[in-house]
Amino acid sequence: MRVKKKRLSIKSKEFSLVCKDLERRKQGESKKPLDENSATHVIRNALGGVSGGIELQYERLKESLQLPPGMARHYRDDITVVVIHFNESYLSSNAESEDHCGF
């Protein structure tokens, strides 16, 4: 039994747009975080959401944090954020020198 392979046809204009978008993402231009602190970024996105622009995100965050303690439980729960930053260059240099990845 023979299986026919279909060839994908991608228009060159669409392909170039995808390539440009991927390059922007690689450079970090389009997804640069608003917050310098990683934990702040996670909390802001958890409580304020990520849609509606910066002003609306901060407005929702402010409203969420100003709820009275008894009412706040209906809208949000306690949140603990732990952010661990790994030294990628240290990890990659050690992974190359050890066959068992440190185990």
Protein backbone atom coordinates (compact mmCIF):
# COMPACT_ATOMS: atom_id res chain seq x y z
CA MET A 1 0.00 0.00 0.00
CA ARG A 2 1.43 3.34 -1.05
CA VAL A 3 0.84 6.48 0.93
CA LYS A 4 0.79 9.72 -0.99
CA LYS A 5 2.67 12.54 0.62
CA LYS A 6 1.07 15.92 0.32
CA ARG A 7 3.34 18.84 -0.09
CA LEU A 8 2.48 21.87 1.98
CA SER A 9 2.16 25.02 -0.02
CA ILE A 10 3.13 28.13 1.87
CA LYS A 11 2.81 31.46 0.21
CA SER A 12 6.12 33.28 0.31
CA LYS A 13 4.51 36.43 1.73
CA GLU A 14 2.96 34.50 4.63
CA PHE A 15 6.20 32.63 5.21
CA SER A 16 8.20 35.85 5.36
CA LEU A 17 5.74 37.27 7.92
CA VAL A 18 6.14 34.16 10.06
CA CYS A 19 9.92 34.41 9.80
CA LYS A 20 9.86 38.08 10.81
CA ASP A 21 7.59 37.31 13.77
CA LEU A 22 9.85 34.49 14.91
CA GLU A 23 12.88 36.74 14.64
CA ARG A 24 11.16 39.44 16.75
CA ARG A 25 10.26 36.85 19.37
CA LYS A 26 13.82 35.58 19.37
CA GLN A 27 15.09 39.09 19.99
CA GLY A 28 12.46 39.57 22.70
CA GLU A 29 11.02 42.74 21.20
CA SER A 30 7.36 41.76 21.21
CA LYS A 31 7.16 39.91 24.55
CA LYS A 32 9.37 41.99 26.78
CA PRO A 33 7.99 41.83 30.35
CA LEU A 34 6.64 45.03 31.88
CA ASP A 35 8.09 44.18 35.28
CA GLU A 36 11.77 43.87 36.07
CA ASN A 37 11.06 41.55 39.00
CA SER A 38 9.93 38.06 37.93
CA ALA A 39 7.76 37.45 41.02
CA THR A 40 5.98 40.79 40.53
CA HIS A 41 5.35 39.87 36.91
CA VAL A 42 3.80 36.51 37.88
CA ILE A 43 1.59 38.05 40.60
CA ARG A 44 0.45 40.92 38.39
CA ASN A 45 -0.55 38.50 35.64
CA ALA A 46 -2.27 36.14 38.09
CA LEU A 47 -4.37 38.86 39.75
CA GLY A 48 -4.74 41.45 37.02
CA GLY A 49 -4.91 39.29 33.93
CA VAL A 50 -2.98 39.83 30.73
CA SER A 51 -5.58 41.34 28.44
CA GLY A 52 -6.82 44.86 27.94
CA GLY A 53 -3.64 46.86 27.95
CA ILE A 54 -1.33 47.95 30.74
CA GLU A 55 -3.66 50.49 32.34
CA LEU A 56 -6.56 48.02 32.58
CA GLN A 57 -4.27 45.30 33.96
CA TYR A 58 -3.06 47.56 36.75
CA GLU A 59 -6.60 48.80 37.45
CA ARG A 60 -7.83 45.21 37.88
CA LEU A 61 -4.83 44.41 40.07
CA LYS A 62 -5.48 47.47 42.24
CA GLU A 63 -9.16 46.58 42.62
CA SER A 64 -8.30 42.98 43.50
CA LEU A 65 -5.81 44.02 46.17
CA GLN A 66 -8.19 46.58 47.72
CA LEU A 67 -11.00 44.10 48.40
CA PRO A 68 -11.84 43.74 52.12
CA PRO A 69 -10.50 40.52 53.72
CA GLY A 70 -13.91 38.82 54.02
CA MET A 71 -14.84 39.57 50.42
CA ALA A 72 -11.40 38.93 48.92
CA ARG A 73 -11.74 35.16 49.44
CA HIS A 74 -14.58 35.10 46.91
CA TYR A 75 -12.32 36.59 44.22
CA ARG A 76 -8.81 35.37 44.97
CA ASP A 77 -6.93 33.01 47.23
CA ASP A 78 -3.58 33.32 48.97
CA ILE A 79 -0.73 33.29 46.51
CA THR A 80 2.88 32.38 47.11
CA VAL A 81 5.32 32.88 44.28
CA VAL A 82 8.77 31.34 44.25
CA VAL A 83 10.94 32.19 41.26
CA ILE A 84 14.17 30.32 40.66
CA HIS A 85 16.63 31.70 38.12
CA PHE A 86 19.11 29.20 36.78
CA ASN A 87 22.52 30.24 35.52
CA GLU A 88 22.20 28.81 32.01
CA SER A 89 25.87 29.20 31.11
CA TYR A 90 26.91 27.35 34.30
CA LEU A 91 24.42 24.55 33.66
CA SER A 92 25.39 24.12 30.01
CA SER A 93 29.14 24.10 30.76
CA ASN A 94 28.69 21.47 33.49
CA ALA A 95 26.37 19.36 31.34
CA GLU A 96 29.03 19.20 28.62
CA SER A 97 31.73 18.11 31.08
CA GLU A 98 29.63 15.44 32.83
CA ASP A 99 28.13 12.44 31.05
CA HIS A 100 25.40 11.89 33.62
CA CYS A 101 24.07 15.47 33.90
CA GLY A 102 25.14 15.67 37.53
CA PHE A 103 23.48 12.42 38.68
